[in-house]
Amino acid sequence: MAQNDDEARILEQWTHKLTQALQILDLKVDQELILELARKSADSVTHAAAPITAFLVGYAAALEAGTGSAGSKAASTASITKAADVAFSLCADARQQANPQPEPGAQGWTHSAQ
């Protein structure tokens, strides 16, 4: 999700401040991934799904990777990717259910010469 320079700077400052306050000092936040998850869930489900999706993906990734320093950065990255992939898949399913494509021939004789 493209941002202008001011938004990117403000978001980076906020992320740094929040990770410091939460005492997760070495966390590298993939802002683009989180923003994309939020955008897709908002577009596919409802706007309120955006923060819920971001939270649940983070929570699931943390559970899988382990707590504190127990998990490696590689394990954390893999956990985030796995949880995000599940969320992206559900977003695609929700979008498909909201806008189903008719099956071939489902319109009966409407588009035939008969």
Protein backbone atom coordinates (compact mmCIF):
# COMPACT_ATOMS: atom_id res chain seq x y z
CA MET A 1 0.00 0.00 0.00
CA ALA A 2 1.70 3.14 -1.18
CA GLN A 3 2.03 5.97 1.28
CA ASN A 4 3.36 9.46 0.88
CA ASP A 5 6.66 10.33 2.56
CA ASP A 6 5.02 12.11 5.51
CA GLU A 7 2.72 9.17 6.25
CA ALA A 8 5.60 6.71 5.99
CA ARG A 9 7.72 8.81 8.36
CA ILE A 10 4.91 9.20 10.89
CA LEU A 11 4.07 5.50 10.73
CA GLU A 12 7.73 4.55 11.20
CA GLN A 13 8.00 6.86 14.23
CA TRP A 14 4.79 5.47 15.71
CA THR A 15 5.90 1.89 15.15
CA HIS A 16 9.25 2.58 16.82
CA LYS A 17 7.61 4.32 19.77
CA LEU A 18 5.08 1.51 20.22
CA THR A 19 7.60 -1.33 19.97
CA GLN A 20 9.77 0.46 22.56
CA ALA A 21 6.82 0.97 24.89
CA LEU A 22 5.80 -2.69 24.51
CA GLN A 23 9.42 -3.74 25.13
CA ILE A 24 9.78 -5.64 21.87
CA LEU A 25 12.93 -3.78 20.94
CA ASP A 26 14.32 -6.04 18.22
CA LEU A 27 11.10 -6.48 16.26
CA LYS A 28 11.27 -5.56 12.59
CA VAL A 29 7.71 -4.64 11.65
CA ASP A 30 6.64 -5.43 8.08
CA GLN A 31 4.38 -2.42 7.74
CA GLU A 32 3.53 -3.14 4.11
CA LEU A 33 2.30 -6.64 4.98
CA ILE A 34 0.16 -5.38 7.85
CA LEU A 35 -1.29 -2.57 5.76
CA GLU A 36 -2.06 -4.98 2.92
CA LEU A 37 -3.75 -7.40 5.35
CA ALA A 38 -5.82 -4.56 6.76
CA ARG A 39 -6.76 -3.27 3.30
CA LYS A 40 -7.77 -6.68 1.96
CA SER A 41 -9.79 -7.62 5.03
CA ALA A 42 -11.55 -4.25 5.02
CA ASP A 43 -12.35 -4.59 1.31
CA SER A 44 -13.37 -8.25 1.56
CA VAL A 45 -15.33 -8.28 4.80
CA THR A 46 -15.96 -4.92 6.47
CA HIS A 47 -13.81 -2.01 7.62
CA ALA A 48 -13.90 -3.25 11.20
CA ALA A 49 -12.22 -6.47 10.06
CA ALA A 50 -8.94 -4.63 9.41
CA PRO A 51 -7.71 -4.19 12.99
CA ILE A 52 -9.16 -7.54 14.06
CA THR A 53 -7.32 -9.31 11.22
CA ALA A 54 -4.03 -7.58 12.02
CA PHE A 55 -4.34 -8.45 15.69
CA LEU A 56 -5.27 -12.10 15.12
CA VAL A 57 -2.49 -12.64 12.57
CA GLY A 58 0.02 -11.20 15.03
CA TYR A 59 -1.35 -13.28 17.86
CA ALA A 60 -1.30 -16.49 15.84
CA ALA A 61 2.25 -15.79 14.66
CA ALA A 62 3.39 -15.15 18.23
CA LEU A 63 1.84 -18.38 19.46
CA GLU A 64 3.52 -20.40 16.74
CA ALA A 65 6.91 -18.71 17.01
CA GLY A 66 7.15 -18.98 20.79
CA THR A 67 7.34 -16.26 23.39
CA GLY A 68 10.02 -13.70 24.09
CA SER A 69 13.50 -14.73 23.07
CA ALA A 70 12.51 -18.41 22.81
CA GLY A 71 11.69 -18.06 19.12
CA SER A 72 14.27 -17.19 16.49
CA LYS A 73 13.80 -14.39 13.99
CA ALA A 74 13.49 -16.98 11.23
CA ALA A 75 10.74 -18.76 13.17
CA SER A 76 8.97 -15.46 13.77
CA THR A 77 9.13 -14.52 10.11
CA ALA A 78 7.84 -17.93 9.05
CA SER A 79 5.01 -17.71 11.58
CA ILE A 80 3.96 -14.28 10.36
CA THR A 81 4.03 -15.43 6.75
CA LYS A 82 1.97 -18.52 7.56
CA ALA A 83 -0.64 -16.57 9.55
CA ALA A 84 -0.82 -13.83 6.91
CA ASP A 85 -1.30 -16.40 4.14
CA VAL A 86 -4.27 -17.86 6.04
CA ALA A 87 -5.79 -14.38 6.43
CA PHE A 88 -5.21 -13.51 2.75
CA SER A 89 -6.88 -16.78 1.75
CA LEU A 90 -9.91 -16.05 3.93
CA CYS A 91 -10.12 -12.54 2.45
CA ALA A 92 -10.17 -14.02 -1.03
CA ASP A 93 -12.88 -16.48 0.03
CA ALA A 94 -14.96 -13.67 1.55
CA ARG A 95 -14.60 -11.56 -1.58
CA GLN A 96 -15.59 -14.53 -3.75
CA GLN A 97 -18.67 -15.21 -1.61
CA ALA A 98 -19.67 -11.55 -1.79
CA ASN A 99 -19.29 -11.48 -5.59
CA PRO A 100 -19.95 -15.00 -6.86
CA GLN A 101 -19.42 -15.63 -10.55
CA PRO A 102 -22.29 -17.42 -12.22
CA GLU A 103 -21.55 -20.93 -13.32
CA PRO A 104 -21.49 -21.53 -17.08
CA GLY A 105 -25.02 -22.11 -18.25
CA ALA A 106 -26.51 -20.76 -15.01
CA GLN A 107 -28.38 -18.07 -16.92
CA GLY A 108 -30.47 -20.60 -18.76
CA TRP A 109 -31.45 -19.54 -22.25
CA THR A 110 -30.75 -15.84 -21.71
CA HIS A 111 -27.66 -15.62 -23.90
CA SER A 112 -28.48 -18.26 -26.45
CA ALA A 113 -30.03 -18.00 -29.85
CA GLN A 114 -32.86 -20.29 -28.83
